[in-house]
C-alpha atoms as a PDB file:
ATOM      1  CA  MET A   1      33.583  -5.475 -23.267  1.00  0.00           C
ATOM      2  CA  ILE A   2      32.543  -1.728 -23.258  1.00  0.00           C
ATOM      3  CA  GLU A   3      28.571  -2.902 -22.166  1.00  0.00           C
ATOM      4  CA  SER A   4      30.107  -5.026 -19.579  1.00  0.00           C
ATOM      5  CA  SER A   5      32.454  -1.783 -18.107  1.00  0.00           C
ATOM      6  CA  LEU A   6      29.376   0.035 -18.221  1.00  0.00           C
ATOM      7  CA  SER A   7      27.193  -2.373 -16.521  1.00  0.00           C
ATOM      8  CA  LYS A   8      29.984  -2.756 -13.926  1.00  0.00           C
ATOM      9  CA  LEU A   9      30.014   0.922 -13.307  1.00  0.00           C
ATOM     10  CA  GLU A  10      26.441   1.540 -13.015  1.00  0.00           C
ATOM     11  CA  GLN A  11      26.227  -1.236 -10.405  1.00  0.00           C
ATOM     12  CA  LEU A  12      29.148   0.542  -8.757  1.00  0.00           C
ATOM     13  CA  VAL A  13      27.713   3.703  -9.138  1.00  0.00           C
ATOM     14  CA  SER A  14      23.892   2.437  -7.541  1.00  0.00           C
ATOM     15  CA  ASP A  15      26.515   0.721  -4.984  1.00  0.00           C
ATOM     16  CA  LEU A  16      27.546   4.382  -3.919  1.00  0.00           C
ATOM     17  CA  VAL A  17      24.449   5.910  -3.965  1.00  0.00           C
ATOM     18  CA  GLN A  18      23.229   3.481  -1.692  1.00  0.00           C
ATOM     19  CA  GLN A  19      26.036   3.631   0.576  1.00  0.00           C
ATOM     20  CA  LYS A  20      25.719   7.456   0.791  1.00  0.00           C
ATOM     21  CA  GLN A  21      22.032   7.063   1.747  1.00  0.00           C
ATOM     22  CA  GLU A  22      22.851   4.711   4.663  1.00  0.00           C
ATOM     23  CA  LEU A  23      25.769   6.955   5.913  1.00  0.00           C
ATOM     24  CA  LEU A  24      23.143   9.987   5.671  1.00  0.00           C
ATOM     25  CA  ASP A  25      20.772   7.865   7.782  1.00  0.00           C
ATOM     26  CA  ALA A  26      23.405   7.191  10.436  1.00  0.00           C
ATOM     27  CA  ASN A  27      24.276  10.831  10.153  1.00  0.00           C
ATOM     28  CA  THR A  28      20.875  12.089  11.059  1.00  0.00           C
ATOM     29  CA  GLN A  29      20.459   9.224  13.502  1.00  0.00           C
ATOM     30  CA  LEU A  30      24.018  10.387  15.315  1.00  0.00           C
ATOM     31  CA  ASN A  31      22.925  13.968  15.511  1.00  0.00           C
ATOM     32  CA  THR A  32      19.603  13.193  17.072  1.00  0.00           C
ATOM     33  CA  GLU A  33      20.851  11.365  19.463  1.00  0.00           C
ATOM     34  CA  LEU A  34      23.773  13.502  20.306  1.00  0.00           C
ATOM     35  CA  ALA A  35      21.095  16.593  20.446  1.00  0.00           C
ATOM     36  CA  GLN A  36      19.748  14.381  23.110  1.00  0.00           C
ATOM     37  CA  THR A  37      22.849  13.406  24.889  1.00  0.00           C
ATOM     38  CA  LYS A  38      23.429  17.547  25.653  1.00  0.00           C
ATOM     39  CA  GLU A  39      19.970  17.632  26.404  1.00  0.00           C
ATOM     40  CA  GLU A  40      20.420  15.226  29.113  1.00  0.00           C
ATOM     41  CA  ASN A  41      23.748  16.499  30.362  1.00  0.00           C
ATOM     42  CA  GLU A  42      22.480  19.956  30.559  1.00  0.00           C
ATOM     43  CA  THR A  43      19.898  18.394  32.853  1.00  0.00           C
ATOM     44  CA  LEU A  44      22.380  16.440  34.880  1.00  0.00           C
ATOM     45  CA  GLN A  45      24.226  19.469  35.600  1.00  0.00           C
ATOM     46  CA  LEU A  46      21.481  21.631  36.719  1.00  0.00           C
ATOM     47  CA  SER A  47      20.644  19.010  39.166  1.00  0.00           C
ATOM     48  CA  LEU A  48      24.360  18.419  40.161  1.00  0.00           C
ATOM     49  CA  MET A  49      24.285  22.475  41.102  1.00  0.00           C
ATOM     50  CA  GLU A  50      21.034  21.789  42.580  1.00  0.00           C
ATOM     51  CA  ALA A  51      22.352  18.873  44.930  1.00  0.00           C
ATOM     52  CA  GLU A  52      25.803  21.311  45.512  1.00  0.00           C
ATOM     53  CA  GLU A  53      23.903  24.142  46.848  1.00  0.00           C
ATOM     54  CA  LYS A  54      21.568  21.853  48.823  1.00  0.00           C
ATOM     55  CA  GLN A  55      24.729  19.753  50.141  1.00  0.00           C
ATOM     56  CA  GLY A  56      26.280  23.380  50.807  1.00  0.00           C
ATOM     57  CA  ALA A  57      23.469  24.544  52.863  1.00  0.00           C
ATOM     58  CA  THR A  58      23.379  21.387  54.896  1.00  0.00           C
ATOM     59  CA  ALA A  59      27.037  21.887  55.730  1.00  0.00           C
ATOM     60  CA  ALA A  60      26.514  25.230  56.874  1.00  0.00           C
ATOM     61  CA  ARG A  61      23.702  24.206  58.886  1.00  0.00           C
ATOM     62  CA  ILE A  62      25.713  21.283  60.721  1.00  0.00           C
ATOM     63  CA  GLN A  63      28.273  23.172  61.449  1.00  0.00           C
ATOM     64  CA  ALA A  64      26.133  25.779  62.719  1.00  0.00           C
ATOM     65  CA  LEU A  65      24.525  23.611  65.139  1.00  0.00           C
ATOM     66  CA  VAL A  66      28.113  21.980  66.081  1.00  0.00           C
ATOM     67  CA  GLU A  67      29.249  25.355  67.079  1.00  0.00           C
ATOM     68  CA  ARG A  68      26.239  25.726  69.262  1.00  0.00           C
ATOM     69  CA  ALA A  69      26.457  22.533  70.515  1.00  0.00           C
ATOM     70  CA  SER A  70      30.338  23.134  71.826  1.00  0.00           C
ATOM     71  CA  VAL A  71      29.570  26.508  73.048  1.00  0.00           C
ATOM     72  CA  SER A  72      27.040  25.474  74.957  1.00  0.00           C
ATOM     73  CA  PRO A  73      27.208  24.487  78.196  1.00  0.00           C
ATOM     74  CA  VAL A  74      25.775  20.976  78.803  1.00  0.00           C
ATOM     75  CA  SER A  75      23.878  20.922  82.127  1.00  0.00           C
ATOM     76  CA  ALA A  76      23.858  17.521  84.239  1.00  0.00           C
END
């Protein structure tokens, strides 16, 4: 009976060790993916800021053109 219990205990410990290793591997993979996602997020945020700056500059140029067009007399 003790031998049977010991055998079961050994199997349970073995299973736990295997589960721990699987969890460690999954954790490592998730940390790698998280780092990649953070880097991609930073890149996208920089791209967005650049696009917003270009959009602002374009809007200002358009506004200046509209103002010039509205002030200039139209010759027929």
